[in-house]
C-alpha atoms as a PDB file:
ATOM      1  CA  UNK A   1      53.492  19.557  68.783  1.00  0.00           C
ATOM      2  CA  UNK A   2      53.048  21.845  66.024  1.00  0.00           C
ATOM      3  CA  UNK A   3      50.014  22.102  63.784  1.00  0.00           C
ATOM      4  CA  UNK A   4      50.269  21.449  60.011  1.00  0.00           C
ATOM      5  CA  UNK A   5      49.054  23.978  57.430  1.00  0.00           C
ATOM      6  CA  UNK A   6      48.177  22.371  53.878  1.00  0.00           C
ATOM      7  CA  UNK A   7      48.198  24.745  50.963  1.00  0.00           C
ATOM      8  CA  UNK A   8      45.616  24.588  48.611  1.00  0.00           C
ATOM      9  CA  UNK A   9      45.980  25.654  44.975  1.00  0.00           C
ATOM     10  CA  UNK A  10      43.026  26.530  42.990  1.00  0.00           C
ATOM     11  CA  UNK A  11      43.053  26.293  39.519  1.00  0.00           C
ATOM     12  CA  UNK A  12      41.441  28.938  37.299  1.00  0.00           C
ATOM     13  CA  UNK A  13      39.950  27.980  34.338  1.00  0.00           C
ATOM     14  CA  UNK A  14      41.546  29.046  31.129  1.00  0.00           C
ATOM     15  CA  UNK A  15      41.510  28.920  27.519  1.00  0.00           C
ATOM     16  CA  UNK A  16      44.241  28.776  24.698  1.00  0.00           C
ATOM     17  CA  UNK A  17      42.698  29.980  21.581  1.00  0.00           C
ATOM     18  CA  UNK A  18      44.775  30.345  18.208  1.00  0.00           C
ATOM     19  CA  UNK A  19      43.792  33.065  16.130  1.00  0.00           C
ATOM     20  CA  UNK A  20      46.087  32.324  13.182  1.00  0.00           C
ATOM     21  CA  UNK A  21      43.402  30.911  10.981  1.00  0.00           C
ATOM     22  CA  UNK A  22      40.499  33.154  11.548  1.00  0.00           C
ATOM     23  CA  UNK A  23      37.038  31.236  11.682  1.00  0.00           C
ATOM     24  CA  UNK A  24      38.565  28.541   8.995  1.00  0.00           C
ATOM     25  CA  UNK A  25      38.962  25.941  11.366  1.00  0.00           C
ATOM     26  CA  UNK A  26      35.659  26.530  13.022  1.00  0.00           C
ATOM     27  CA  UNK A  27      33.460  27.038   9.751  1.00  0.00           C
ATOM     28  CA  UNK A  28      35.677  23.689   8.315  1.00  0.00           C
ATOM     29  CA  UNK A  29      34.086  21.438  11.330  1.00  0.00           C
ATOM     30  CA  UNK A  30      31.042  23.103  11.740  1.00  0.00           C
ATOM     31  CA  UNK A  31      27.923  21.902  10.703  1.00  0.00           C
ATOM     32  CA  UNK A  32      26.188  23.049   7.275  1.00  0.00           C
ATOM     33  CA  UNK A  33      22.922  24.437   7.955  1.00  0.00           C
ATOM     34  CA  UNK A  34      21.908  24.361   4.552  1.00  0.00           C
ATOM     35  CA  UNK A  35      21.882  20.939   4.161  1.00  0.00           C
ATOM     36  CA  UNK A  36      18.696  20.568   6.419  1.00  0.00           C
ATOM     37  CA  UNK A  37      18.014  18.043   9.173  1.00  0.00           C
ATOM     38  CA  UNK A  38      20.759  15.567   9.601  1.00  0.00           C
ATOM     39  CA  UNK A  39      19.746  11.657   9.060  1.00  0.00           C
ATOM     40  CA  UNK A  40      21.246   8.736  10.908  1.00  0.00           C
ATOM     41  CA  UNK A  41      22.067   6.410   7.904  1.00  0.00           C
ATOM     42  CA  UNK A  42      22.950   3.146  10.101  1.00  0.00           C
ATOM     43  CA  UNK A  43      22.691   0.145   8.229  1.00  0.00           C
ATOM     44  CA  UNK A  44      20.444   0.466   5.626  1.00  0.00           C
ATOM     45  CA  UNK A  45      20.303  -2.200   3.059  1.00  0.00           C
ATOM     46  CA  UNK A  46      21.507  -4.925   5.763  1.00  0.00           C
ATOM     47  CA  UNK A  47      21.169  -8.605   5.763  1.00  0.00           C
ATOM     48  CA  UNK A  48      17.647 -10.265   5.809  1.00  0.00           C
ATOM     49  CA  UNK A  49      17.299 -12.688   8.692  1.00  0.00           C
ATOM     50  CA  UNK A  50      15.174 -15.568   9.021  1.00  0.00           C
ATOM     51  CA  UNK A  51      13.968 -17.431  12.486  1.00  0.00           C
ATOM     52  CA  UNK A  52      15.439 -20.952  12.806  1.00  0.00           C
ATOM     53  CA  UNK A  53      14.365 -23.268  15.542  1.00  0.00           C
ATOM     54  CA  UNK A  54      17.546 -25.488  16.375  1.00  0.00           C
ATOM     55  CA  UNK A  55      16.816 -28.119  18.997  1.00  0.00           C
ATOM     56  CA  UNK A  56      13.744 -26.099  20.049  1.00  0.00           C
ATOM     57  CA  UNK A  57      15.698 -22.796  20.542  1.00  0.00           C
ATOM     58  CA  UNK A  58      14.785 -19.937  18.272  1.00  0.00           C
ATOM     59  CA  UNK A  59      17.592 -18.405  16.795  1.00  0.00           C
ATOM     60  CA  UNK A  60      18.299 -15.193  14.119  1.00  0.00           C
ATOM     61  CA  UNK A  61      19.741 -16.359  11.136  1.00  0.00           C
ATOM     62  CA  UNK A  62      21.092 -14.637   8.081  1.00  0.00           C
ATOM     63  CA  UNK A  63      19.422 -15.551   4.757  1.00  0.00           C
ATOM     64  CA  UNK A  64      22.495 -18.023   3.109  1.00  0.00           C
ATOM     65  CA  UNK A  65      24.288 -18.229   6.172  1.00  0.00           C
ATOM     66  CA  UNK A  66      25.471 -21.745   6.371  1.00  0.00           C
ATOM     67  CA  UNK A  67      23.680 -24.137   9.070  1.00  0.00           C
ATOM     68  CA  UNK A  68      26.896 -24.795  10.727  1.00  0.00           C
ATOM     69  CA  UNK A  69      27.391 -21.253  11.449  1.00  0.00           C
ATOM     70  CA  UNK A  70      23.731 -20.995  12.664  1.00  0.00           C
ATOM     71  CA  UNK A  71      24.037 -23.832  15.193  1.00  0.00           C
ATOM     72  CA  UNK A  72      27.393 -22.191  16.197  1.00  0.00           C
ATOM     73  CA  UNK A  73      26.027 -18.833  17.019  1.00  0.00           C
ATOM     74  CA  UNK A  74      23.153 -20.871  18.816  1.00  0.00           C
ATOM     75  CA  UNK A  75      26.109 -22.353  20.557  1.00  0.00           C
ATOM     76  CA  UNK A  76      24.533 -25.878  19.430  1.00  0.00           C
ATOM     77  CA  UNK A  77      27.657 -28.400  18.880  1.00  0.00           C
ATOM     78  CA  UNK A  78      27.720 -30.217  15.751  1.00  0.00           C
ATOM     79  CA  UNK A  79      31.218 -32.904  15.000  1.00  0.00           C
ATOM     80  CA  UNK A  80      33.335 -32.074  11.737  1.00  0.00           C
ATOM     81  CA  UNK A  81      36.335 -33.619  10.188  1.00  0.00           C
ATOM     82  CA  UNK A  82      36.560 -32.021   6.679  1.00  0.00           C
ATOM     83  CA  UNK A  83      34.340 -29.058   6.605  1.00  0.00           C
ATOM     84  CA  UNK A  84      33.926 -29.615   3.256  1.00  0.00           C
ATOM     85  CA  UNK A  85      30.955 -32.108   2.522  1.00  0.00           C
ATOM     86  CA  UNK A  86      32.962 -35.177   1.571  1.00  0.00           C
ATOM     87  CA  UNK A  87      33.110 -37.099   4.930  1.00  0.00           C
ATOM     88  CA  UNK A  88      29.620 -37.129   6.014  1.00  0.00           C
ATOM     89  CA  UNK A  89      30.513 -36.622   9.652  1.00  0.00           C
ATOM     90  CA  UNK A  90      28.424 -33.183  10.496  1.00  0.00           C
ATOM     91  CA  UNK A  91      25.043 -34.950   9.025  1.00  0.00           C
ATOM     92  CA  UNK A  92      21.999 -33.607  10.999  1.00  0.00           C
ATOM     93  CA  UNK A  93      18.405 -33.913  10.433  1.00  0.00           C
ATOM     94  CA  UNK A  94      16.644 -30.995   9.325  1.00  0.00           C
ATOM     95  CA  UNK A  95      12.814 -30.583   8.195  1.00  0.00           C
ATOM     96  CA  UNK A  96      13.088 -34.362   7.793  1.00  0.00           C
ATOM     97  CA  UNK A  97      15.955 -34.998   5.498  1.00  0.00           C
ATOM     98  CA  UNK A  98      19.553 -35.697   6.129  1.00  0.00           C
ATOM     99  CA  UNK A  99      21.974 -32.839   5.094  1.00  0.00           C
ATOM    100  CA  UNK A 100      25.477 -31.684   5.717  1.00  0.00           C
ATOM    101  CA  UNK A 101      25.631 -28.996   7.897  1.00  0.00           C
ATOM    102  CA  UNK A 102      28.952 -27.402   6.523  1.00  0.00           C
ATOM    103  CA  UNK A 103      27.450 -27.207   3.394  1.00  0.00           C
ATOM    104  CA  UNK A 104      23.463 -26.642   3.620  1.00  0.00           C
ATOM    105  CA  UNK A 105      22.328 -22.907   4.025  1.00  0.00           C
END
């Protein structure tokens, strides 16, 4: 019965540096300290939101969004046919008046 031996290779960290362009690439992608603190612009000037209630459920809605889109985001099913406002299949009661969900904003 023989004993088995395992060879373990230990890698030594190495780095490759190309000095072709000097510091040109390093400086090209570095931060310009003369610009001051960086600001995360994010989504400035994004859409305005309203909170609406659909079947007792509060839902965030983009101003100008069609009722059908808001209902879909709240997972409220509304039956449609033409989606143009001609057939009346999608009529709903909104704030005491009958409106077509595919057209009303």
